[in-house]
PDB file of N, CA and C in Angstrom:
ATOM      1  N   UNK A   1     131.423 135.387  62.079  1.00  0.00           N
ATOM      2  CA  UNK A   1     130.519 134.312  62.352  1.00  0.00           C
ATOM      3  C   UNK A   1     129.427 134.800  63.295  1.00  0.00           C
ATOM      4  N   UNK A   2     128.243 134.772  62.836  1.00  0.00           N
ATOM      5  CA  UNK A   2     127.155 135.173  63.723  1.00  0.00           C
ATOM      6  C   UNK A   2     126.399 133.932  64.185  1.00  0.00           C
ATOM      7  N   UNK A   3     126.115 133.943  65.420  1.00  0.00           N
ATOM      8  CA  UNK A   3     125.360 132.818  65.979  1.00  0.00           C
ATOM      9  C   UNK A   3     124.003 133.318  66.411  1.00  0.00           C
ATOM     10  N   UNK A   4     123.006 132.563  66.082  1.00  0.00           N
ATOM     11  CA  UNK A   4     121.655 132.886  66.531  1.00  0.00           C
ATOM     12  C   UNK A   4     121.360 132.077  67.780  1.00  0.00           C
ATOM     13  N   UNK A   5     121.046 132.780  68.823  1.00  0.00           N
ATOM     14  CA  UNK A   5     120.679 132.089  70.070  1.00  0.00           C
ATOM     15  C   UNK A   5     119.172 131.958  70.124  1.00  0.00           C
ATOM     16  N   UNK A   6     118.760 130.801  70.517  1.00  0.00           N
ATOM     17  CA  UNK A   6     117.335 130.509  70.586  1.00  0.00           C
ATOM     18  C   UNK A   6     116.850 130.846  71.987  1.00  0.00           C
ATOM     19  N   UNK A   7     116.120 131.897  72.117  1.00  0.00           N
ATOM     20  CA  UNK A   7     115.659 132.339  73.427  1.00  0.00           C
ATOM     21  C   UNK A   7     114.145 132.143  73.495  1.00  0.00           C
ATOM     22  N   UNK A   8     113.689 131.392  74.487  1.00  0.00           N
ATOM     23  CA  UNK A   8     112.257 131.113  74.594  1.00  0.00           C
ATOM     24  C   UNK A   8     111.473 132.349  75.009  1.00  0.00           C
ATOM     25  N   UNK A   9     112.141 133.331  75.574  1.00  0.00           N
ATOM     26  CA  UNK A   9     111.438 134.552  75.975  1.00  0.00           C
ATOM     27  C   UNK A   9     111.014 135.359  74.753  1.00  0.00           C
ATOM     28  N   UNK A  10     111.756 135.245  73.666  1.00  0.00           N
ATOM     29  CA  UNK A  10     111.407 135.997  72.463  1.00  0.00           C
ATOM     30  C   UNK A  10     110.415 135.247  71.596  1.00  0.00           C
ATOM     31  N   UNK A  11     110.266 133.958  71.820  1.00  0.00           N
ATOM     32  CA  UNK A  11     109.306 133.173  71.040  1.00  0.00           C
ATOM     33  C   UNK A  11     107.901 133.353  71.601  1.00  0.00           C
ATOM     34  N   UNK A  12     106.964 133.103  70.753  1.00  0.00           N
ATOM     35  CA  UNK A  12     105.571 133.181  71.174  1.00  0.00           C
ATOM     36  C   UNK A  12     105.103 131.772  71.536  1.00  0.00           C
ATOM     37  N   UNK A  13     105.524 131.288  72.681  1.00  0.00           N
ATOM     38  CA  UNK A  13     105.221 129.926  73.131  1.00  0.00           C
ATOM     39  C   UNK A  13     103.951 129.946  73.957  1.00  0.00           C
ATOM     40  N   UNK A  14     103.024 129.019  73.677  1.00  0.00           N
ATOM     41  CA  UNK A  14     101.816 128.947  74.509  1.00  0.00           C
ATOM     42  C   UNK A  14     102.172 128.722  75.983  1.00  0.00           C
ATOM     43  N   UNK A  15     101.357 129.245  76.857  1.00  0.00           N
ATOM     44  CA  UNK A  15     101.638 129.160  78.296  1.00  0.00           C
ATOM     45  C   UNK A  15     101.746 127.716  78.774  1.00  0.00           C
ATOM     46  N   UNK A  16     100.979 126.807  78.186  1.00  0.00           N
ATOM     47  CA  UNK A  16     100.999 125.412  78.631  1.00  0.00           C
ATOM     48  C   UNK A  16     102.314 124.715  78.308  1.00  0.00           C
ATOM     49  N   UNK A  17     103.104 125.256  77.378  1.00  0.00           N
ATOM     50  CA  UNK A  17     104.349 124.604  76.987  1.00  0.00           C
ATOM     51  C   UNK A  17     105.588 125.251  77.583  1.00  0.00           C
ATOM     52  N   UNK A  18     105.427 126.197  78.437  1.00  0.00           N
ATOM     53  CA  UNK A  18     106.578 126.843  79.072  1.00  0.00           C
ATOM     54  C   UNK A  18     107.183 125.899  80.102  1.00  0.00           C
ATOM     55  N   UNK A  19     108.498 125.916  80.255  1.00  0.00           N
ATOM     56  CA  UNK A  19     109.160 124.966  81.166  1.00  0.00           C
ATOM     57  C   UNK A  19     108.638 125.006  82.601  1.00  0.00           C
ATOM     58  N   UNK A  20     108.370 126.189  83.124  1.00  0.00           N
ATOM     59  CA  UNK A  20     107.887 126.270  84.511  1.00  0.00           C
ATOM     60  C   UNK A  20     106.516 125.605  84.640  1.00  0.00           C
ATOM     61  N   UNK A  21     105.673 125.811  83.649  1.00  0.00           N
ATOM     62  CA  UNK A  21     104.343 125.198  83.680  1.00  0.00           C
ATOM     63  C   UNK A  21     104.448 123.683  83.538  1.00  0.00           C
ATOM     64  N   UNK A  22     105.320 123.233  82.660  1.00  0.00           N
ATOM     65  CA  UNK A  22     105.513 121.787  82.496  1.00  0.00           C
ATOM     66  C   UNK A  22     106.047 121.161  83.776  1.00  0.00           C
ATOM     67  N   UNK A  23     106.976 121.850  84.453  1.00  0.00           N
ATOM     68  CA  UNK A  23     107.516 121.347  85.702  1.00  0.00           C
ATOM     69  C   UNK A  23     106.432 121.225  86.760  1.00  0.00           C
ATOM     70  N   UNK A  24     105.614 122.256  86.882  1.00  0.00           N
ATOM     71  CA  UNK A  24     104.518 122.210  87.875  1.00  0.00           C
ATOM     72  C   UNK A  24     103.545 121.077  87.556  1.00  0.00           C
ATOM     73  N   UNK A  25     103.234 120.929  86.287  1.00  0.00           N
ATOM     74  CA  UNK A  25     102.326 119.848  85.891  1.00  0.00           C
ATOM     75  C   UNK A  25     102.893 118.478  86.195  1.00  0.00           C
ATOM     76  N   UNK A  26     104.188 118.317  85.956  1.00  0.00           N
ATOM     77  CA  UNK A  26     104.839 117.047  86.249  1.00  0.00           C
ATOM     78  C   UNK A  26     104.841 116.764  87.746  1.00  0.00           C
ATOM     79  N   UNK A  27     105.118 117.783  88.542  1.00  0.00           N
ATOM     80  CA  UNK A  27     105.098 117.617  89.998  1.00  0.00           C
ATOM     81  C   UNK A  27     103.703 117.225  90.465  1.00  0.00           C
ATOM     82  N   UNK A  28     102.679 117.882  89.941  1.00  0.00           N
ATOM     83  CA  UNK A  28     101.305 117.534  90.321  1.00  0.00           C
ATOM     84  C   UNK A  28     100.953 116.112  89.900  1.00  0.00           C
ATOM     85  N   UNK A  29     101.404 115.696  88.723  1.00  0.00           N
ATOM     86  CA  UNK A  29     101.121 114.336  88.263  1.00  0.00           C
ATOM     87  C   UNK A  29     101.802 113.301  89.154  1.00  0.00           C
ATOM     88  N   UNK A  30     103.031 113.571  89.573  1.00  0.00           N
ATOM     89  CA  UNK A  30     103.744 112.643  90.457  1.00  0.00           C
ATOM     90  C   UNK A  30     103.070 112.573  91.814  1.00  0.00           C
ATOM     91  N   UNK A  31     102.655 113.711  92.345  1.00  0.00           N
ATOM     92  CA  UNK A  31     101.960 113.726  93.636  1.00  0.00           C
ATOM     93  C   UNK A  31     100.647 112.962  93.549  1.00  0.00           C
ATOM     94  N   UNK A  32      99.901 113.158  92.458  1.00  0.00           N
ATOM     95  CA  UNK A  32      98.631 112.442  92.283  1.00  0.00           C
ATOM     96  C   UNK A  32      98.861 110.936  92.175  1.00  0.00           C
ATOM     97  N   UNK A  33      99.906 110.524  91.464  1.00  0.00           N
ATOM     98  CA  UNK A  33     100.210 109.098  91.337  1.00  0.00           C
ATOM     99  C   UNK A  33     100.600 108.493  92.677  1.00  0.00           C
ATOM    100  N   UNK A  34     101.391 109.222  93.456  1.00  0.00           N
ATOM    101  CA  UNK A  34     101.791 108.720  94.780  1.00  0.00           C
ATOM    102  C   UNK A  34     100.591 108.613  95.710  1.00  0.00           C
ATOM    103  N   UNK A  35      99.692 109.582  95.642  1.00  0.00           N
ATOM    104  CA  UNK A  35      98.496 109.538  96.484  1.00  0.00           C
ATOM    105  C   UNK A  35      97.610 108.356  96.095  1.00  0.00           C
ATOM    106  N   UNK A  36      97.445 108.139  94.799  1.00  0.00           N
ATOM    107  CA  UNK A  36      96.618 107.014  94.338  1.00  0.00           C
ATOM    108  C   UNK A  36      97.242 105.683  94.773  1.00  0.00           C
ATOM    109  N   UNK A  37      98.558 105.579  94.692  1.00  0.00           N
ATOM    110  CA  UNK A  37      99.235 104.358  95.115  1.00  0.00           C
ATOM    111  C   UNK A  37      99.060 104.132  96.613  1.00  0.00           C
ATOM    112  N   UNK A  38      99.173 105.203  97.401  1.00  0.00           N
ATOM    113  CA  UNK A  38      99.010 105.079  98.851  1.00  0.00           C
ATOM    114  C   UNK A  38      97.594 104.643  99.212  1.00  0.00           C
ATOM    115  N   UNK A  39      96.605 105.181  98.514  1.00  0.00           N
ATOM    116  CA  UNK A  39      95.213 104.791  98.768  1.00  0.00           C
ATOM    117  C   UNK A  39      95.013 103.325  98.422  1.00  0.00           C
ATOM    118  N   UNK A  40      95.607 102.893  97.309  1.00  0.00           N
ATOM    119  CA  UNK A  40      95.458 101.491  96.900  1.00  0.00           C
ATOM    120  C   UNK A  40      96.113 100.548  97.902  1.00  0.00           C
ATOM    121  N   UNK A  41      97.304 100.895  98.363  1.00  0.00           N
ATOM    122  CA  UNK A  41      98.004 100.055  99.339  1.00  0.00           C
ATOM    123  C   UNK A  41      97.201  99.978 100.634  1.00  0.00           C
ATOM    124  N   UNK A  42      96.675 101.103 101.071  1.00  0.00           N
ATOM    125  CA  UNK A  42      95.884 101.104 102.296  1.00  0.00           C
ATOM    126  C   UNK A  42      94.626 100.260 102.134  1.00  0.00           C
ATOM    127  N   UNK A  43      93.969 100.352 100.985  1.00  0.00           N
ATOM    128  CA  UNK A  43      92.762  99.555 100.750  1.00  0.00           C
ATOM    129  C   UNK A  43      93.087  98.069 100.745  1.00  0.00           C
ATOM    130  N   UNK A  44      94.218  97.693 100.173  1.00  0.00           N
ATOM    131  CA  UNK A  44      94.601  96.283 100.173  1.00  0.00           C
ATOM    132  C   UNK A  44      94.932  95.802 101.574  1.00  0.00           C
ATOM    133  N   UNK A  45      95.557  96.642 102.388  1.00  0.00           N
ATOM    134  CA  UNK A  45      95.883  96.250 103.756  1.00  0.00           C
ATOM    135  C   UNK A  45      94.609  96.063 104.567  1.00  0.00           C
ATOM    136  N   UNK A  46      93.637  96.936 104.376  1.00  0.00           N
ATOM    137  CA  UNK A  46      92.380  96.826 105.113  1.00  0.00           C
ATOM    138  C   UNK A  46      91.642  95.561 104.703  1.00  0.00           C
ATOM    139  N   UNK A  47      91.600  95.262 103.398  1.00  0.00           N
ATOM    140  CA  UNK A  47      90.895  94.059 102.947  1.00  0.00           C
ATOM    141  C   UNK A  47      91.626  92.804 103.407  1.00  0.00           C
ATOM    142  N   UNK A  48      92.951  92.850 103.510  1.00  0.00           N
ATOM    143  CA  UNK A  48      93.711  91.700 104.007  1.00  0.00           C
ATOM    144  C   UNK A  48      93.471  91.502 105.491  1.00  0.00           C
ATOM    145  N   UNK A  49      93.389  92.570 106.252  1.00  0.00           N
ATOM    146  CA  UNK A  49      93.167  92.462 107.691  1.00  0.00           C
ATOM    147  C   UNK A  49      91.780  91.913 107.988  1.00  0.00           C
ATOM    148  N   UNK A  50      90.779  92.251 107.200  1.00  0.00           N
ATOM    149  CA  UNK A  50      89.439  91.723 107.454  1.00  0.00           C
ATOM    150  C   UNK A  50      89.330  90.271 107.032  1.00  0.00           C
ATOM    151  N   UNK A  51      90.206  89.806 106.139  1.00  0.00           N
ATOM    152  CA  UNK A  51      90.164  88.420 105.692  1.00  0.00           C
ATOM    153  C   UNK A  51      91.034  87.511 106.556  1.00  0.00           C
ATOM    154  N   UNK A  52      91.841  88.061 107.443  1.00  0.00           N
ATOM    155  CA  UNK A  52      92.763  87.264 108.236  1.00  0.00           C
ATOM    156  C   UNK A  52      92.124  86.431 109.342  1.00  0.00           C
ATOM    157  N   UNK A  53      91.108  86.909 110.050  1.00  0.00           N
ATOM    158  CA  UNK A  53      90.581  86.088 111.143  1.00  0.00           C
ATOM    159  C   UNK A  53      90.142  84.708 110.649  1.00  0.00           C
ATOM    160  N   UNK A  54      90.748  83.678 111.230  1.00  0.00           N
ATOM    161  CA  UNK A  54      90.483  82.308 110.821  1.00  0.00           C
ATOM    162  C   UNK A  54      89.719  81.628 111.946  1.00  0.00           C
ATOM    163  N   UNK A  55      88.766  80.842 111.569  1.00  0.00           N
ATOM    164  CA  UNK A  55      87.984  80.116 112.556  1.00  0.00           C
ATOM    165  C   UNK A  55      88.867  79.095 113.252  1.00  0.00           C
ATOM    166  N   UNK A  56      88.841  79.087 114.574  1.00  0.00           N
ATOM    167  CA  UNK A  56      89.621  78.118 115.337  1.00  0.00           C
ATOM    168  C   UNK A  56      88.767  76.946 115.786  1.00  0.00           C
ATOM    169  N   UNK A  57      87.531  76.856 115.281  1.00  0.00           N
ATOM    170  CA  UNK A  57      86.655  75.768 115.698  1.00  0.00           C
ATOM    171  C   UNK A  57      87.023  74.456 115.029  1.00  0.00           C
ATOM    172  N   UNK A  58      87.744  74.503 113.924  1.00  0.00           N
ATOM    173  CA  UNK A  58      88.123  73.256 113.266  1.00  0.00           C
ATOM    174  C   UNK A  58      89.384  73.434 112.453  1.00  0.00           C
ATOM    175  N   UNK A  59      90.126  72.354 112.328  1.00  0.00           N
ATOM    176  CA  UNK A  59      91.342  72.366 111.534  1.00  0.00           C
ATOM    177  C   UNK A  59      91.177  71.335 110.446  1.00  0.00           C
ATOM    178  N   UNK A  60      91.240  71.781 109.184  1.00  0.00           N
ATOM    179  CA  UNK A  60      91.029  70.857 108.084  1.00  0.00           C
ATOM    180  C   UNK A  60      92.373  70.501 107.466  1.00  0.00           C
ATOM    181  N   UNK A  61      92.616  69.227 107.327  1.00  0.00           N
ATOM    182  CA  UNK A  61      93.855  68.763 106.739  1.00  0.00           C
ATOM    183  C   UNK A  61      93.689  68.625 105.233  1.00  0.00           C
ATOM    184  N   UNK A  62      94.796  68.414 104.551  1.00  0.00           N
ATOM    185  CA  UNK A  62      94.777  68.294 103.094  1.00  0.00           C
ATOM    186  C   UNK A  62      93.963  67.095 102.643  1.00  0.00           C
ATOM    187  N   UNK A  63      93.862  66.062 103.462  1.00  0.00           N
ATOM    188  CA  UNK A  63      93.134  64.856 103.075  1.00  0.00           C
ATOM    189  C   UNK A  63      91.626  65.057 103.170  1.00  0.00           C
ATOM    190  N   UNK A  64      91.192  66.164 103.745  1.00  0.00           N
ATOM    191  CA  UNK A  64      89.770  66.428 103.857  1.00  0.00           C
ATOM    192  C   UNK A  64      89.207  66.114 105.231  1.00  0.00           C
ATOM    193  N   UNK A  65      90.021  65.562 106.117  1.00  0.00           N
ATOM    194  CA  UNK A  65      89.568  65.270 107.472  1.00  0.00           C
ATOM    195  C   UNK A  65      89.508  66.555 108.279  1.00  0.00           C
ATOM    196  N   UNK A  66      88.498  66.667 109.121  1.00  0.00           N
ATOM    197  CA  UNK A  66      88.353  67.851 109.949  1.00  0.00           C
ATOM    198  C   UNK A  66      88.427  67.436 111.411  1.00  0.00           C
ATOM    199  N   UNK A  67      89.292  68.143 112.137  1.00  0.00           N
ATOM    200  CA  UNK A  67      89.421  67.897 113.550  1.00  0.00           C
ATOM    201  C   UNK A  67      88.930  69.117 114.293  1.00  0.00           C
ATOM    202  N   UNK A  68      87.975  68.967 115.177  1.00  0.00           N
ATOM    203  CA  UNK A  68      87.460  70.083 115.966  1.00  0.00           C
ATOM    204  C   UNK A  68      88.223  70.236 117.272  1.00  0.00           C
ATOM    205  N   UNK A  69      88.510  71.466 117.633  1.00  0.00           N
ATOM    206  CA  UNK A  69      89.214  71.717 118.892  1.00  0.00           C
ATOM    207  C   UNK A  69      88.339  72.541 119.795  1.00  0.00           C
TER     208      UNK A  69
END
């Protein structure tokens, strides 16, 4: 019984499809996604912080009445 072993070193595989290259590409893609997510979260926090200051000159109730303090 002869068995043929499939060895990627003997195949003529393009460099872009080699496991080490695919691993590096995947790592870079994950790092880029994490960086983009961090930038987005930071941008949302900054926009939320600038929208938080509320005027204390008046308090408006649900009925539409405004009380000034």
